[in-house]
Protein backbone atom coordinates (compact mmCIF):
# COMPACT_ATOMS: atom_id res chain seq x y z
CA MET A 1 125.48 107.39 98.52
CA SER A 2 122.44 109.68 98.27
CA LEU A 3 124.46 112.10 96.13
CA LEU A 4 125.15 109.28 93.68
CA VAL A 5 121.44 108.41 93.58
CA LEU A 6 120.53 112.06 92.94
CA GLN A 7 123.07 112.29 90.13
CA SER A 8 121.74 109.05 88.64
CA VAL A 9 118.17 110.33 88.70
CA GLN A 10 119.18 113.60 87.07
CA ALA A 11 121.14 111.73 84.39
CA SER A 12 118.17 109.45 83.84
CA TRP A 13 115.83 112.39 83.33
CA SER A 14 118.21 114.05 80.88
CA VAL A 15 118.77 110.88 78.87
CA PHE A 16 115.20 109.62 78.78
CA ILE A 17 113.44 112.94 78.17
CA VAL A 18 115.65 113.65 75.17
CA GLY A 19 115.56 110.00 74.07
CA GLN A 20 111.78 109.77 74.20
CA ALA A 21 111.44 113.09 72.37
CA VAL A 22 113.59 111.61 69.59
CA ASN A 23 111.67 108.34 69.81
CA PHE A 24 108.21 109.91 69.39
CA GLY A 25 109.37 112.58 66.95
CA LEU A 26 111.64 110.73 64.55
CA VAL A 27 111.45 106.96 64.95
CA PRO A 28 108.80 105.07 62.94
CA VAL A 29 106.05 103.48 65.04
CA PRO A 30 107.14 99.83 64.51
CA LEU A 31 110.65 100.61 65.73
CA ARG A 32 109.81 102.66 68.84
CA ILE A 33 109.97 99.78 71.30
CA CYS A 34 113.32 98.66 69.89
CA PHE A 35 114.66 102.22 70.15
CA ALA A 36 113.45 102.55 73.76
CA MET A 37 115.04 99.21 74.71
CA MET A 38 118.37 100.21 73.12
CA LEU A 39 118.22 103.54 74.95
CA THR A 40 117.61 101.73 78.25
CA PHE A 41 120.40 99.23 77.55
CA VAL A 42 122.92 102.01 76.82
CA PHE A 43 121.79 103.92 79.91
CA ASN A 44 122.27 100.83 82.10
CA ILE A 45 125.80 100.44 80.77
CA ILE A 46 126.52 104.08 81.58
CA LEU A 47 125.15 103.65 85.11
CA ALA A 48 127.29 100.56 85.64
CA LEU A 49 130.42 102.40 84.53
CA VAL A 50 129.63 105.38 86.77
CA ASP A 51 129.03 103.08 89.73
CA ALA A 52 132.25 101.15 89.06
CA ASN A 53 134.22 104.43 88.90
CA ALA A 54 132.62 105.62 92.16
CA GLU A 55 133.49 102.36 93.90
CA ALA A 56 137.08 102.51 92.58
CA ALA A 57 137.46 106.10 93.83
CA GLU A 58 136.06 105.10 97.23
CA ALA A 59 138.40 102.13 97.47
CA ALA A 60 141.37 104.34 96.52
CA SER A 61 140.51 106.89 99.19
CA GLU A 62 140.12 104.14 101.79
CA ALA A 63 143.50 102.70 100.77
CA ALA A 64 145.12 106.15 101.07
CA GLU A 65 143.60 106.61 104.54
CA ALA A 66 144.85 103.16 105.58
CA ALA A 67 148.35 103.97 104.29
CA GLU A 68 148.36 107.26 106.21
CA ALA A 69 147.27 105.47 109.38
CA ALA A 70 150.00 102.85 108.91
CA ASP A 71 152.61 105.56 108.39
CA ALA A 72 151.47 107.37 111.53
CA ALA A 73 151.56 104.14 113.52
CA SER A 74 155.06 103.27 112.32
CA ALA A 75 156.26 106.79 113.13
CA LEU A 76 154.86 106.48 116.65
CA MET A 77 156.52 103.10 117.03
CA ALA A 78 159.82 104.51 115.84
CA MET A 79 159.53 107.41 118.29
CA GLY A 80 158.75 104.96 121.07
CA ALA A 81 161.74 102.81 120.14
CA GLN A 82 164.02 105.86 120.15
CA ASN A 83 162.72 106.96 123.54
CA GLY A 84 163.10 103.47 124.93
CA THR A 85 166.76 103.19 123.84
CA ALA A 86 167.62 106.65 125.17
CA HIS A 87 166.48 105.71 128.68
CA GLY A 88 167.94 102.26 128.61
């Protein structure tokens, strides 16, 4: 989680430093607030997509771990069933 926060902060700095440089250097004064709000809106969309991808990757890894655990449990049960029939 903290790695995701660190990456988000670094991305924020890179987007907003460049964006504000463009804002103060090229955008006319009456449009600066609008430009800053659009920049923030786009950045929030990017953060939401990154977070959704991180959650999907985490869910996929948890599902893979659960599938491996289920396979191991079924293999142990099969081994136990074979051992039980050999003695019986």
